[in-house]
Amino acid sequence: MRWYGKLLGFIAGALLFRPNPLFGAVIGLLLGHAFDSDWFRLGKDLPYRELGVTRDATDAEIDLAYRRLMSQYHPDKVAGAAPELRAQAEKKARQINAAYDRIKTLRKR
């Protein structure tokens, strides 16, 4: 459990609200808790959305979604297509790979 955001928020709030340091400390503590809980990290569901699964999906469901999307968007599937279609497929395959790698990294923690 992270705690440093709460501590820094408490101190900063107390110092910034000098007329009423207790009020500032409580506000700073709440903001620190929000940062510790990653409330302000807006794109944290993006890799899951890229694969079309939810955050509570099992590893098997994530692997299945990854394989399904890669079989659909793999650049070798469109080898004989126009260059712009091949470029789009390569871009989408890179996005899928990055999302899958990000999810695997997040789940190792």
Protein backbone atom coordinates (compact mmCIF):
# COMPACT_ATOMS: atom_id res chain seq x y z
CA MET A 1 0.00 0.00 0.00
CA ARG A 2 1.36 3.37 -0.97
CA TRP A 3 1.44 6.10 1.64
CA TYR A 4 3.79 8.79 0.42
CA GLY A 5 1.07 10.68 -1.47
CA LYS A 6 -0.99 10.96 1.70
CA LEU A 7 1.99 12.22 3.68
CA LEU A 8 3.04 14.76 1.08
CA GLY A 9 -0.56 15.89 0.63
CA PHE A 10 -0.98 16.32 4.38
CA ILE A 11 2.15 18.46 4.67
CA ALA A 12 1.48 20.51 1.53
CA GLY A 13 -2.13 21.12 2.50
CA ALA A 14 -1.17 22.26 5.99
CA LEU A 15 1.43 24.66 4.57
CA LEU A 16 -0.78 26.06 1.82
CA PHE A 17 -3.79 26.73 4.05
CA ARG A 18 -1.98 28.64 6.79
CA PRO A 19 -5.06 30.40 8.19
CA ASN A 20 -6.59 27.00 8.92
CA PRO A 21 -3.86 24.32 8.70
CA LEU A 22 -6.08 21.47 9.90
CA PHE A 23 -8.54 22.05 7.05
CA GLY A 24 -5.68 22.18 4.56
CA ALA A 25 -4.12 19.03 5.99
CA VAL A 26 -7.38 17.10 5.60
CA ILE A 27 -7.84 18.31 2.02
CA GLY A 28 -4.20 17.43 1.25
CA LEU A 29 -4.65 14.00 2.83
CA LEU A 30 -7.69 13.33 0.64
CA LEU A 31 -5.86 14.44 -2.50
CA GLY A 32 -2.85 12.33 -1.53
CA HIS A 33 -5.12 9.32 -1.09
CA ALA A 34 -6.59 9.94 -4.54
CA PHE A 35 -3.11 9.98 -6.08
CA ASP A 36 -2.06 6.86 -4.18
CA SER A 37 -5.17 5.07 -5.44
CA ASP A 38 -4.49 6.11 -9.07
CA TRP A 39 -7.77 8.01 -9.40
CA PHE A 40 -6.11 10.55 -11.69
CA ARG A 41 -4.60 8.04 -14.09
CA LEU A 42 -7.17 8.32 -16.82
CA GLY A 43 -5.89 5.79 -19.37
CA LYS A 44 -5.50 2.79 -17.11
CA ASP A 45 -8.26 0.78 -18.83
CA LEU A 46 -6.94 1.49 -22.30
CA PRO A 47 -4.99 -1.77 -22.80
CA TYR A 48 -8.02 -3.78 -21.74
CA ARG A 49 -10.26 -1.79 -24.05
CA GLU A 50 -7.82 -2.34 -26.92
CA LEU A 51 -8.21 -6.11 -26.52
CA GLY A 52 -11.96 -5.89 -25.93
CA VAL A 53 -11.91 -7.34 -22.40
CA THR A 54 -12.62 -5.96 -18.94
CA ARG A 55 -10.15 -5.47 -16.09
CA ASP A 56 -11.52 -8.50 -14.26
CA ALA A 57 -11.01 -10.85 -17.22
CA THR A 58 -8.99 -13.99 -16.54
CA ASP A 59 -5.58 -14.59 -18.07
CA ALA A 60 -7.10 -17.21 -20.36
CA GLU A 61 -9.70 -14.73 -21.64
CA ILE A 62 -6.99 -12.14 -22.28
CA ASP A 63 -4.85 -14.67 -24.15
CA LEU A 64 -7.85 -15.74 -26.23
CA ALA A 65 -8.75 -12.14 -27.12
CA TYR A 66 -5.12 -11.44 -28.04
CA ARG A 67 -4.88 -14.48 -30.31
CA ARG A 68 -8.23 -13.70 -31.95
CA LEU A 69 -7.27 -10.10 -32.70
CA MET A 70 -3.79 -10.99 -33.90
CA SER A 71 -5.16 -13.62 -36.26
CA GLN A 72 -7.52 -10.97 -37.61
CA TYR A 73 -5.04 -8.07 -37.92
CA HIS A 74 -1.70 -9.79 -38.53
CA PRO A 75 0.13 -8.08 -41.42
CA ASP A 76 0.83 -11.41 -43.12
CA LYS A 77 -2.93 -11.89 -43.58
CA VAL A 78 -3.00 -8.89 -45.91
CA ALA A 79 0.33 -9.51 -47.64
CA GLY A 80 -1.16 -9.16 -51.12
CA ALA A 81 -3.34 -6.16 -50.29
CA ALA A 82 -2.69 -2.52 -51.02
CA PRO A 83 0.23 -0.91 -49.17
CA GLU A 84 -2.05 1.36 -47.14
CA LEU A 85 -4.09 -1.63 -45.90
CA ARG A 86 -0.89 -3.41 -44.94
CA ALA A 87 0.29 -0.29 -43.07
CA GLN A 88 -3.03 -0.12 -41.20
CA ALA A 89 -2.75 -3.80 -40.27
CA GLU A 90 0.82 -3.31 -39.03
CA LYS A 91 -0.25 -0.32 -36.92
CA LYS A 92 -3.17 -2.24 -35.41
CA ALA A 93 -0.93 -5.27 -34.71
CA ARG A 94 1.56 -2.99 -32.91
CA GLN A 95 -1.26 -1.54 -30.79
CA ILE A 96 -2.55 -5.01 -29.91
CA ASN A 97 0.95 -6.21 -28.99
CA ALA A 98 1.57 -3.12 -26.85
CA ALA A 99 -1.75 -3.55 -25.03
CA TYR A 100 -1.08 -7.24 -24.40
CA ASP A 101 2.43 -6.51 -23.10
CA ARG A 102 1.08 -3.74 -20.85
CA ILE A 103 -1.57 -6.04 -19.36
CA LYS A 104 0.98 -8.79 -18.73
CA THR A 105 3.29 -6.27 -17.03
CA LEU A 106 0.47 -4.93 -14.86
CA ARG A 107 -0.55 -8.44 -13.80
CA LYS A 108 2.99 -9.44 -12.80
CA ARG A 109 3.02 -6.80 -10.05
